[in-house]
Amino acid sequence: MDFMALINEQKPITKKELEMTKQELLGRLASKEDLKQLATKKDFEIIASQVSNLTHRMTSVENQLSVVQDTSNLILETVDGIAKKFDDAQTEKAATNHTLRWHENRLEDHEKRIETIEKEAS
């Protein structure tokens, strides 16, 4: 009979039952070998040191990541500027080509009129 059953019966406990209850409770207690398996203060200090080291390393990585992000932002801004200049140059080239074609057409028109005038003059 276990300890809780004896208590629930509410009758006097015999010496034998008391000894059985004592043995049952002692069986539930941790032994010295069991206690040796538990973490010690030194173990916790080592873990705390490792956590502190990892926290420091994570902060360092976060700082490096921030620098990389700032650098990538600078690169993207530079590329955006170059792309804008390229786009402006393409627009300007298209306008220049249009103007050149207009002038070529005007020159051809002048050449035709000059030829006509020269034919009439001769």
Protein backbone atom coordinates (compact mmCIF):
# COMPACT_ATOMS: atom_id res chain seq x y z
CA MET A 1 0.00 0.00 0.00
CA ASP A 2 1.42 3.37 -0.89
CA PHE A 3 1.72 6.44 1.31
CA MET A 4 -1.28 8.33 -0.10
CA ALA A 5 -3.54 5.28 0.32
CA LEU A 6 -2.52 5.03 3.99
CA ILE A 7 -3.32 8.68 4.56
CA ASN A 8 -6.71 8.35 2.86
CA GLU A 9 -7.71 5.39 5.06
CA GLN A 10 -7.55 7.57 8.20
CA LYS A 11 -6.71 4.72 10.53
CA PRO A 12 -3.65 4.24 12.72
CA ILE A 13 -0.49 3.24 10.87
CA THR A 14 1.46 0.21 11.94
CA LYS A 15 5.23 0.14 12.33
CA LYS A 16 5.45 -2.04 9.22
CA GLU A 17 3.39 0.41 7.17
CA LEU A 18 5.48 3.28 8.53
CA GLU A 19 8.69 1.49 7.49
CA MET A 20 7.24 0.75 4.03
CA THR A 21 6.28 4.40 3.65
CA LYS A 22 9.77 5.44 4.75
CA GLN A 23 11.35 3.11 2.18
CA GLU A 24 9.00 4.35 -0.53
CA LEU A 25 9.88 7.98 0.24
CA LEU A 26 13.59 7.20 0.38
CA GLY A 27 13.25 5.51 -3.03
CA ARG A 28 11.86 8.71 -4.43
CA LEU A 29 14.70 10.88 -3.10
CA ALA A 30 17.69 11.59 -5.28
CA SER A 31 20.85 9.71 -4.44
CA LYS A 32 24.32 11.24 -4.25
CA GLU A 33 24.97 9.81 -7.72
CA ASP A 34 21.77 11.46 -8.97
CA LEU A 35 22.83 14.78 -7.45
CA LYS A 36 26.23 14.53 -9.15
CA GLN A 37 24.42 14.57 -12.50
CA LEU A 38 22.90 17.98 -11.75
CA ALA A 39 24.56 21.19 -12.89
CA THR A 40 26.86 22.84 -10.38
CA LYS A 41 27.53 26.50 -9.76
CA LYS A 42 30.70 26.16 -11.84
CA ASP A 43 28.65 24.64 -14.69
CA PHE A 44 26.29 27.63 -14.58
CA GLU A 45 29.25 30.03 -14.56
CA ILE A 46 30.66 28.31 -17.65
CA ILE A 47 27.28 28.49 -19.38
CA ALA A 48 26.91 32.17 -18.43
CA SER A 49 30.37 32.86 -19.85
CA GLN A 50 29.50 31.07 -23.08
CA VAL A 51 26.22 32.97 -23.38
CA SER A 52 28.07 36.24 -22.80
CA ASN A 53 30.64 35.30 -25.47
CA LEU A 54 27.88 34.39 -27.94
CA THR A 55 26.06 37.65 -27.20
CA HIS A 56 29.25 39.60 -27.86
CA ARG A 57 29.84 37.72 -31.12
CA MET A 58 26.24 38.28 -32.22
CA THR A 59 26.62 42.01 -31.55
CA SER A 60 29.78 41.99 -33.64
CA VAL A 61 27.98 40.20 -36.48
CA GLU A 62 25.08 42.68 -36.25
CA ASN A 63 27.56 45.58 -36.51
CA GLN A 64 29.25 43.98 -39.52
CA LEU A 65 25.87 43.38 -41.12
CA SER A 66 25.01 47.04 -40.59
CA VAL A 67 28.24 48.07 -42.36
CA VAL A 68 27.48 45.69 -45.24
CA GLN A 69 23.96 47.09 -45.50
CA ASP A 70 25.27 50.67 -45.52
CA THR A 71 27.81 49.73 -48.21
CA SER A 72 25.18 48.01 -50.33
CA ASN A 73 22.94 51.08 -50.02
CA LEU A 74 25.82 53.27 -51.19
CA ILE A 75 26.46 50.93 -54.13
CA LEU A 76 22.78 50.96 -55.09
CA GLU A 77 22.68 54.76 -54.92
CA THR A 78 25.77 54.94 -57.14
CA VAL A 79 24.28 52.49 -59.64
CA ASP A 80 21.04 54.51 -59.64
CA GLY A 81 23.08 57.65 -60.41
CA ILE A 82 24.92 55.92 -63.25
CA ALA A 83 21.65 54.56 -64.64
CA LYS A 84 20.16 58.08 -64.55
CA LYS A 85 23.18 59.50 -66.41
CA PHE A 86 22.93 56.69 -68.97
CA ASP A 87 19.22 57.36 -69.44
CA ASP A 88 19.90 61.11 -69.82
CA ALA A 89 22.65 60.37 -72.37
CA GLN A 90 20.31 58.14 -74.37
CA THR A 91 17.63 60.83 -74.37
CA GLU A 92 20.17 63.44 -75.43
CA LYS A 93 21.50 61.13 -78.17
CA ALA A 94 17.97 60.63 -79.53
CA ALA A 95 17.41 64.40 -79.56
CA THR A 96 20.79 64.98 -81.25
CA ASN A 97 20.05 62.33 -83.89
CA HIS A 98 16.70 63.95 -84.58
CA THR A 99 18.35 67.37 -84.96
CA LEU A 100 21.05 65.94 -87.26
CA ARG A 101 18.41 64.32 -89.51
CA TRP A 102 16.54 67.62 -89.65
CA HIS A 103 19.75 69.46 -90.67
CA GLU A 104 20.61 66.78 -93.26
CA ASN A 105 17.16 67.16 -94.78
CA ARG A 106 17.60 70.94 -94.87
CA LEU A 107 21.01 70.58 -96.52
CA GLU A 108 19.61 68.23 -99.16
CA ASP A 109 16.82 70.71 -99.78
CA HIS A 110 19.41 73.54 -100.15
CA GLU A 111 21.52 71.42 -102.50
CA LYS A 112 18.48 70.76 -104.73
CA ARG A 113 17.63 74.47 -104.84
CA ILE A 114 21.25 75.43 -105.57
CA GLU A 115 21.40 72.87 -108.41
CA THR A 116 18.15 74.28 -109.80
CA ILE A 117 19.48 77.84 -109.59
CA GLU A 118 22.79 76.82 -111.22
CA LYS A 119 20.94 75.07 -114.08
CA GLU A 120 18.81 78.13 -114.64
CA ALA A 121 21.86 80.38 -114.56
CA SER A 122 23.74 78.41 -117.21
